[in-house]
Amino acid sequence: ENGQSYIDDVEEGDLWNFESGVAHSIQALDKGCEF
């Protein structure tokens, strides 16, 4: 909501969190993914 952005790569065992209203996307990299 402050117009601040974020980008990161995650692997097996990693976590993420988006609070209410935070716009986001998830894109699989070379291995594909399940979460």
All heavy atoms as atom14 arrays in JSON, in Angstrom:
{
  "sequence": "ENGQSYIDDVEEGDLWNFESGVAHSIQALDKGCEF",
  "atom14_mask": [
    [1, 1, 1, 1, 1, 1, 1, 1, 1, 0, 0, 0, 0, 0],
    [1, 1, 1, 1, 1, 1, 1, 1, 0, 0, 0, 0, 0, 0],
    [1, 1, 1, 1, 0, 0, 0, 0, 0, 0, 0, 0, 0, 0],
    [1, 1, 1, 1, 1, 1, 1, 1, 1, 0, 0, 0, 0, 0],
    [1, 1, 1, 1, 1, 1, 0, 0, 0, 0, 0, 0, 0, 0],
    [1, 1, 1, 1, 1, 1, 1, 1, 1, 1, 1, 1, 0, 0],
    [1, 1, 1, 1, 1, 1, 1, 1, 0, 0, 0, 0, 0, 0],
    [1, 1, 1, 1, 1, 1, 1, 1, 0, 0, 0, 0, 0, 0],
    [1, 1, 1, 1, 1, 1, 1, 1, 0, 0, 0, 0, 0, 0],
    [1, 1, 1, 1, 1, 1, 1, 0, 0, 0, 0, 0, 0, 0],
    [1, 1, 1, 1, 1, 1, 1, 1, 1, 0, 0, 0, 0, 0],
    [1, 1, 1, 1, 1, 1, 1, 1, 1, 0, 0, 0, 0, 0],
    [1, 1, 1, 1, 0, 0, 0, 0, 0, 0, 0, 0, 0, 0],
    [1, 1, 1, 1, 1, 1, 1, 1, 0, 0, 0, 0, 0, 0],
    [1, 1, 1, 1, 1, 1, 1, 1, 0, 0, 0, 0, 0, 0],
    [1, 1, 1, 1, 1, 1, 1, 1, 1, 1, 1, 1, 1, 1],
    [1, 1, 1, 1, 1, 1, 1, 1, 0, 0, 0, 0, 0, 0],
    [1, 1, 1, 1, 1, 1, 1, 1, 1, 1, 1, 0, 0, 0],
    [1, 1, 1, 1, 1, 1, 1, 1, 1, 0, 0, 0, 0, 0],
    [1, 1, 1, 1, 1, 1, 0, 0, 0, 0, 0, 0, 0, 0],
    [1, 1, 1, 1, 0, 0, 0, 0, 0, 0, 0, 0, 0, 0],
    [1, 1, 1, 1, 1, 1, 1, 0, 0, 0, 0, 0, 0, 0],
    [1, 1, 1, 1, 1, 0, 0, 0, 0, 0, 0, 0, 0, 0],
    [1, 1, 1, 1, 1, 1, 1, 1, 1, 1, 0, 0, 0, 0],
    [1, 1, 1, 1, 1, 1, 0, 0, 0, 0, 0, 0, 0, 0],
    [1, 1, 1, 1, 1, 1, 1, 1, 0, 0, 0, 0, 0, 0],
    [1, 1, 1, 1, 1, 1, 1, 1, 1, 0, 0, 0, 0, 0],
    [1, 1, 1, 1, 1, 0, 0, 0, 0, 0, 0, 0, 0, 0],
    [1, 1, 1, 1, 1, 1, 1, 1, 0, 0, 0, 0, 0, 0],
    [1, 1, 1, 1, 1, 1, 1, 1, 0, 0, 0, 0, 0, 0],
    [1, 1, 1, 1, 1, 1, 1, 1, 1, 0, 0, 0, 0, 0],
    [1, 1, 1, 1, 0, 0, 0, 0, 0, 0, 0, 0, 0, 0],
    [1, 1, 1, 1, 1, 1, 0, 0, 0, 0, 0, 0, 0, 0],
    [1, 1, 1, 1, 1, 1, 1, 1, 1, 0, 0, 0, 0, 0],
    [1, 1, 1, 1, 1, 1, 1, 1, 1, 1, 1, 0, 0, 0]
  ],
  "atom14_positions": [
    [[0.81, -1.22, 0.0], [0.0, 0.0, 0.0], [0.84, 1.27, 0.0], [0.32, 2.37, -0.25], [-0.94, 0.0, 1.21], [-0.27, 0.13, 2.57], [0.2, -1.2, 3.14], [0.31, -2.18, 2.38], [0.44, -1.25, 4.37], [0.0, 0.0, 0.0], [0.0, 0.0, 0.0], [0.0, 0.0, 0.0], [0.0, 0.0, 0.0], [0.0, 0.0, 0.0]],
    [[2.15, 1.14, 0.25], [3.04, 2.29, 0.21], [3.7, 2.45, -1.16], [4.57, 3.31, -1.33], [4.12, 2.15, 1.29], [3.53, 2.09, 2.69], [2.68, 2.9, 3.04], [3.97, 1.13, 3.48], [0.0, 0.0, 0.0], [0.0, 0.0, 0.0], [0.0, 0.0, 0.0], [0.0, 0.0, 0.0], [0.0, 0.0, 0.0], [0.0, 0.0, 0.0]],
    [[3.29, 1.61, -2.11], [3.88, 1.66, -3.43], [5.28, 1.08, -3.48], [6.0, 1.25, -4.47], [0.0, 0.0, 0.0], [0.0, 0.0, 0.0], [0.0, 0.0, 0.0], [0.0, 0.0, 0.0], [0.0, 0.0, 0.0], [0.0, 0.0, 0.0], [0.0, 0.0, 0.0], [0.0, 0.0, 0.0], [0.0, 0.0, 0.0], [0.0, 0.0, 0.0]],
    [[5.67, 0.36, -2.42], [6.99, -0.26, -2.38], [6.89, -1.68, -2.93], [5.91, -2.39, -2.69], [7.53, -0.26, -0.96], [7.77, 1.15, -0.42], [8.21, 1.16, 1.03], [7.66, 0.43, 1.85], [9.2, 1.99, 1.35], [0.0, 0.0, 0.0], [0.0, 0.0, 0.0], [0.0, 0.0, 0.0], [0.0, 0.0, 0.0], [0.0, 0.0, 0.0]],
    [[7.9, -2.1, -3.65], [7.85, -3.38, -4.37], [8.78, -4.4, -3.76], [9.64, -4.1, -2.92], [8.19, -3.15, -5.85], [9.43, -2.48, -5.98], [0.0, 0.0, 0.0], [0.0, 0.0, 0.0], [0.0, 0.0, 0.0], [0.0, 0.0, 0.0], [0.0, 0.0, 0.0], [0.0, 0.0, 0.0], [0.0, 0.0, 0.0], [0.0, 0.0, 0.0]],
    [[8.61, -5.64, -4.23], [9.41, -6.75, -3.72], [9.54, -7.81, -4.8], [8.59, -8.09, -5.54], [8.76, -7.36, -2.48], [9.65, -8.37, -1.78], [10.7, -7.95, -0.99], [9.44, -9.74, -1.93], [11.54, -8.87, -0.35], [10.26, -10.66, -1.3], [11.31, -10.22, -0.51], [12.13, -11.12, 0.11], [0.0, 0.0, 0.0], [0.0, 0.0, 0.0]],
    [[10.72, -8.41, -4.88], [10.96, -9.52, -5.79], [11.99, -10.44, -5.16], [12.98, -9.98, -4.58], [11.42, -9.02, -7.19], [11.6, -10.2, -8.17], [12.69, -8.19, -7.09], [11.84, -9.75, -9.61], [0.0, 0.0, 0.0], [0.0, 0.0, 0.0], [0.0, 0.0, 0.0], [0.0, 0.0, 0.0], [0.0, 0.0, 0.0], [0.0, 0.0, 0.0]],
    [[11.75, -11.76, -5.23], [12.69, -12.72, -4.66], [12.41, -14.09, -5.26], [11.3, -14.37, -5.75], [12.56, -12.79, -3.14], [13.75, -13.5, -2.48], [14.81, -13.62, -3.12], [13.6, -13.93, -1.32], [0.0, 0.0, 0.0], [0.0, 0.0, 0.0], [0.0, 0.0, 0.0], [0.0, 0.0, 0.0], [0.0, 0.0, 0.0], [0.0, 0.0, 0.0]],
    [[13.42, -14.94, -5.23], [13.28, -16.33, -5.66], [13.22, -17.23, -4.44], [13.98, -17.05, -3.48], [14.44, -16.75, -6.56], [14.43, -16.03, -7.9], [13.37, -15.49, -8.28], [15.49, -16.0, -8.57], [0.0, 0.0, 0.0], [0.0, 0.0, 0.0], [0.0, 0.0, 0.0], [0.0, 0.0, 0.0], [0.0, 0.0, 0.0], [0.0, 0.0, 0.0]],
    [[12.32, -18.21, -4.47], [12.15, -19.14, -3.35], [12.32, -20.57, -3.84], [12.01, -20.9, -4.98], [10.77, -18.96, -2.67], [10.72, -17.65, -1.92], [9.64, -19.04, -3.69], [0.0, 0.0, 0.0], [0.0, 0.0, 0.0], [0.0, 0.0, 0.0], [0.0, 0.0, 0.0], [0.0, 0.0, 0.0], [0.0, 0.0, 0.0], [0.0, 0.0, 0.0]],
    [[12.81, -21.42, -2.93], [13.02, -22.84, -3.21], [12.32, -23.68, -2.16], [11.71, -23.15, -1.23], [14.52, -23.15, -3.26], [15.26, -22.4, -4.36], [16.73, -22.77, -4.42], [17.24, -23.33, -3.42], [17.37, -22.5, -5.45], [0.0, 0.0, 0.0], [0.0, 0.0, 0.0], [0.0, 0.0, 0.0], [0.0, 0.0, 0.0], [0.0, 0.0, 0.0]],
    [[12.43, -24.99, -2.29], [11.79, -25.9, -1.35], [12.13, -25.55, 0.1], [13.29, -25.37, 0.45], [12.23, -27.34, -1.65], [11.57, -28.39, -0.77], [11.95, -29.81, -1.16], [12.31, -30.03, -2.34], [11.88, -30.69, -0.29], [0.0, 0.0, 0.0], [0.0, 0.0, 0.0], [0.0, 0.0, 0.0], [0.0, 0.0, 0.0], [0.0, 0.0, 0.0]],
    [[11.1, -25.43, 0.93], [11.27, -25.09, 2.34], [11.17, -23.61, 2.64], [11.02, -23.23, 3.81], [0.0, 0.0, 0.0], [0.0, 0.0, 0.0], [0.0, 0.0, 0.0], [0.0, 0.0, 0.0], [0.0, 0.0, 0.0], [0.0, 0.0, 0.0], [0.0, 0.0, 0.0], [0.0, 0.0, 0.0], [0.0, 0.0, 0.0], [0.0, 0.0, 0.0]],
    [[11.22, -22.74, 1.63], [11.12, -21.3, 1.85], [9.66, -20.88, 2.03], [8.73, -21.55, 1.58], [11.75, -20.54, 0.69], [13.26, -20.71, 0.63], [13.86, -21.08, 1.66], [13.84, -20.47, -0.45], [0.0, 0.0, 0.0], [0.0, 0.0, 0.0], [0.0, 0.0, 0.0], [0.0, 0.0, 0.0], [0.0, 0.0, 0.0], [0.0, 0.0, 0.0]],
    [[9.49, -19.71, 2.65], [8.16, -19.18, 2.95], [7.96, -17.83, 2.29], [8.93, -17.14, 1.95], [7.98, -18.99, 4.46], [8.44, -20.07, 5.42], [8.25, -19.58, 6.85], [7.69, -21.35, 5.19], [0.0, 0.0, 0.0], [0.0, 0.0, 0.0], [0.0, 0.0, 0.0], [0.0, 0.0, 0.0], [0.0, 0.0, 0.0], [0.0, 0.0, 0.0]],
    [[6.69, -17.43, 2.15], [6.36, -16.05, 1.81], [5.09, -15.66, 2.53], [4.34, -16.5, 3.04], [6.23, -15.83, 0.31], [5.15, -16.59, -0.38], [3.84, -16.22, -0.52], [5.27, -17.85, -1.05], [3.14, -17.16, -1.23], [3.99, -18.17, -1.58], [6.33, -18.73, -1.27], [3.76, -19.34, -2.28], [6.1, -19.89, -1.98], [4.83, -20.19, -2.48]],
    [[4.85, -14.36, 2.6], [3.65, -13.86, 3.27], [3.2, -12.57, 2.61], [3.99, -11.64, 2.38], [3.94, -13.58, 4.75], [2.68, -13.21, 5.51], [1.97, -14.09, 6.02], [2.36, -11.93, 5.59], [0.0, 0.0, 0.0], [0.0, 0.0, 0.0], [0.0, 0.0, 0.0], [0.0, 0.0, 0.0], [0.0, 0.0, 0.0], [0.0, 0.0, 0.0]],
    [[1.9, -12.51, 2.27], [1.29, -11.31, 1.74], [0.11, -10.95, 2.64], [-0.82, -11.74, 2.79], [0.79, -11.52, 0.3], [1.86, -12.0, -0.65], [1.69, -13.18, -1.38], [3.04, -11.3, -0.81], [2.66, -13.63, -2.25], [4.02, -11.74, -1.69], [3.84, -12.92, -2.41], [0.0, 0.0, 0.0], [0.0, 0.0, 0.0], [0.0, 0.0, 0.0]],
    [[0.16, -9.76, 3.23], [-0.96, -9.32, 4.04], [-2.12, -8.9, 3.14], [-2.0, -8.82, 1.92], [-0.52, -8.17, 4.95], [0.45, -8.59, 6.04], [-0.14, -9.63, 7.0], [-1.25, -9.39, 7.53], [0.5, -10.68, 7.21], [0.0, 0.0, 0.0], [0.0, 0.0, 0.0], [0.0, 0.0, 0.0], [0.0, 0.0, 0.0], [0.0, 0.0, 0.0]],
    [[-3.27, -8.65, 3.74], [-4.48, -8.31, 3.0], [-4.24, -7.17, 2.03], [-3.66, -6.14, 2.37], [-5.57, -7.9, 4.0], [-6.71, -7.43, 3.34], [0.0, 0.0, 0.0], [0.0, 0.0, 0.0], [0.0, 0.0, 0.0], [0.0, 0.0, 0.0], [0.0, 0.0, 0.0], [0.0, 0.0, 0.0], [0.0, 0.0, 0.0], [0.0, 0.0, 0.0]],
    [[-4.68, -7.37, 0.78], [-4.62, -6.32, -0.23], [-3.32, -6.17, -0.96], [-3.25, -5.39, -1.93], [0.0, 0.0, 0.0], [0.0, 0.0, 0.0], [0.0, 0.0, 0.0], [0.0, 0.0, 0.0], [0.0, 0.0, 0.0], [0.0, 0.0, 0.0], [0.0, 0.0, 0.0], [0.0, 0.0, 0.0], [0.0, 0.0, 0.0], [0.0, 0.0, 0.0]],
    [[-2.27, -6.86, -0.56], [-0.97, -6.76, -1.23], [-1.05, -7.48, -2.58], [-1.35, -8.68, -2.63], [0.16, -7.33, -0.36], [1.46, -7.41, -1.15], [0.33, -6.49, 0.89], [0.0, 0.0, 0.0], [0.0, 0.0, 0.0], [0.0, 0.0, 0.0], [0.0, 0.0, 0.0], [0.0, 0.0, 0.0], [0.0, 0.0, 0.0], [0.0, 0.0, 0.0]],
    [[-0.77, -6.77, -3.67], [-0.82, -7.37, -5.01], [0.45, -8.19, -5.24], [1.55, -7.77, -4.88], [-0.94, -6.28, -6.06], [0.0, 0.0, 0.0], [0.0, 0.0, 0.0], [0.0, 0.0, 0.0], [0.0, 0.0, 0.0], [0.0, 0.0, 0.0], [0.0, 0.0, 0.0], [0.0, 0.0, 0.0], [0.0, 0.0, 0.0], [0.0, 0.0, 0.0]],
    [[0.28, -9.36, -5.88], [1.44, -10.24, -6.02], [1.25, -11.22, -7.17], [0.15, -11.37, -7.71], [1.69, -11.02, -4.72], [0.49, -11.79, -4.24], [-0.55, -11.2, -3.57], [0.17, -13.11, -4.32], [-1.45, -12.1, -3.24], [-1.04, -13.28, -3.69], [0.0, 0.0, 0.0], [0.0, 0.0, 0.0], [0.0, 0.0, 0.0], [0.0, 0.0, 0.0]],
    [[2.34, -11.89, -7.51], [2.31, -12.97, -8.49], [3.31, -14.04, -8.08], [4.22, -13.79, -7.28], [2.65, -12.46, -9.9], [4.03, -12.09, -9.98], [0.0, 0.0, 0.0], [0.0, 0.0, 0.0], [0.0, 0.0, 0.0], [0.0, 0.0, 0.0], [0.0, 0.0, 0.0], [0.0, 0.0, 0.0], [0.0, 0.0, 0.0], [0.0, 0.0, 0.0]],
    [[3.11, -15.23, -8.62], [4.03, -16.35, -8.41], [4.32, -16.95, -9.78], [3.39, -17.3, -10.52], [3.4, -17.43, -7.49], [2.96, -16.81, -6.15], [4.38, -18.57, -7.25], [2.08, -17.72, -5.32], [0.0, 0.0, 0.0], [0.0, 0.0, 0.0], [0.0, 0.0, 0.0], [0.0, 0.0, 0.0], [0.0, 0.0, 0.0], [0.0, 0.0, 0.0]],
    [[5.59, -17.07, -10.13], [5.97, -17.67, -11.41], [6.98, -18.77, -11.17], [8.0, -18.56, -10.51], [6.55, -16.64, -12.38], [6.88, -17.23, -13.75], [7.49, -16.24, -14.72], [7.96, -15.17, -14.32], [7.51, -16.6, -16.0], [0.0, 0.0, 0.0], [0.0, 0.0, 0.0], [0.0, 0.0, 0.0], [0.0, 0.0, 0.0], [0.0, 0.0, 0.0]],
    [[6.71, -19.95, -11.73], [7.64, -21.07, -11.59], [8.91, -20.81, -12.38], [8.87, -20.25, -13.48], [6.98, -22.35, -12.06], [0.0, 0.0, 0.0], [0.0, 0.0, 0.0], [0.0, 0.0, 0.0], [0.0, 0.0, 0.0], [0.0, 0.0, 0.0], [0.0, 0.0, 0.0], [0.0, 0.0, 0.0], [0.0, 0.0, 0.0], [0.0, 0.0, 0.0]],
    [[10.03, -21.23, -11.82], [11.3, -21.14, -12.51], [11.61, -22.46, -13.22], [10.69, -23.19, -13.58], [12.39, -20.73, -11.52], [12.17, -19.35, -10.87], [13.26, -19.04, -9.85], [12.09, -18.25, -11.92], [0.0, 0.0, 0.0], [0.0, 0.0, 0.0], [0.0, 0.0, 0.0], [0.0, 0.0, 0.0], [0.0, 0.0, 0.0], [0.0, 0.0, 0.0]],
    [[12.86, -22.79, -13.41], [13.22, -23.89, -14.3], [12.75, -25.27, -13.82], [12.52, -26.17, -14.64], [14.74, -23.91, -14.5], [15.5, -24.09, -13.2], [15.34, -23.23, -12.3], [16.27, -25.05, -13.07], [0.0, 0.0, 0.0], [0.0, 0.0, 0.0], [0.0, 0.0, 0.0], [0.0, 0.0, 0.0], [0.0, 0.0, 0.0], [0.0, 0.0, 0.0]],
    [[12.59, -25.48, -12.51], [12.17, -26.78, -12.0], [10.66, -26.97, -11.97], [10.17, -28.08, -11.75], [12.71, -26.99, -10.58], [14.21, -27.01, -10.46], [14.63, -27.18, -9.0], [16.14, -27.17, -8.84], [16.54, -27.27, -7.41], [0.0, 0.0, 0.0], [0.0, 0.0, 0.0], [0.0, 0.0, 0.0], [0.0, 0.0, 0.0], [0.0, 0.0, 0.0]],
    [[9.9, -25.88, -12.2], [8.49, -25.93, -11.87], [8.36, -25.87, -10.35], [9.36, -25.81, -9.63], [0.0, 0.0, 0.0], [0.0, 0.0, 0.0], [0.0, 0.0, 0.0], [0.0, 0.0, 0.0], [0.0, 0.0, 0.0], [0.0, 0.0, 0.0], [0.0, 0.0, 0.0], [0.0, 0.0, 0.0], [0.0, 0.0, 0.0], [0.0, 0.0, 0.0]],
    [[7.14, -25.9, -9.85], [7.0, -25.8, -8.4], [5.64, -26.33, -7.93], [4.68, -26.41, -8.7], [7.17, -24.35, -7.93], [5.93, -23.2, -8.57], [0.0, 0.0, 0.0], [0.0, 0.0, 0.0], [0.0, 0.0, 0.0], [0.0, 0.0, 0.0], [0.0, 0.0, 0.0], [0.0, 0.0, 0.0], [0.0, 0.0, 0.0], [0.0, 0.0, 0.0]],
    [[5.6, -26.7, -6.66], [4.36, -27.03, -5.96], [4.45, -26.39, -4.58], [5.52, -26.39, -3.96], [4.16, -28.53, -5.83], [2.84, -28.9, -5.14], [2.56, -30.39, -5.1], [3.26, -31.14, -5.81], [1.64, -30.8, -4.35], [0.0, 0.0, 0.0], [0.0, 0.0, 0.0], [0.0, 0.0, 0.0], [0.0, 0.0, 0.0], [0.0, 0.0, 0.0]],
    [[3.34, -25.83, -4.11], [3.39, -25.11, -2.85], [2.06, -25.18, -2.12], [1.03, -25.56, -2.68], [3.8, -23.64, -3.07], [3.07, -22.94, -4.18], [1.86, -22.29, -3.96], [3.59, -22.92, -5.47], [1.19, -21.63, -4.98], [2.93, -22.27, -6.51], [1.73, -21.63, -6.26], [0.0, 0.0, 0.0], [0.0, 0.0, 0.0], [0.0, 0.0, 0.0]]
  ]
}
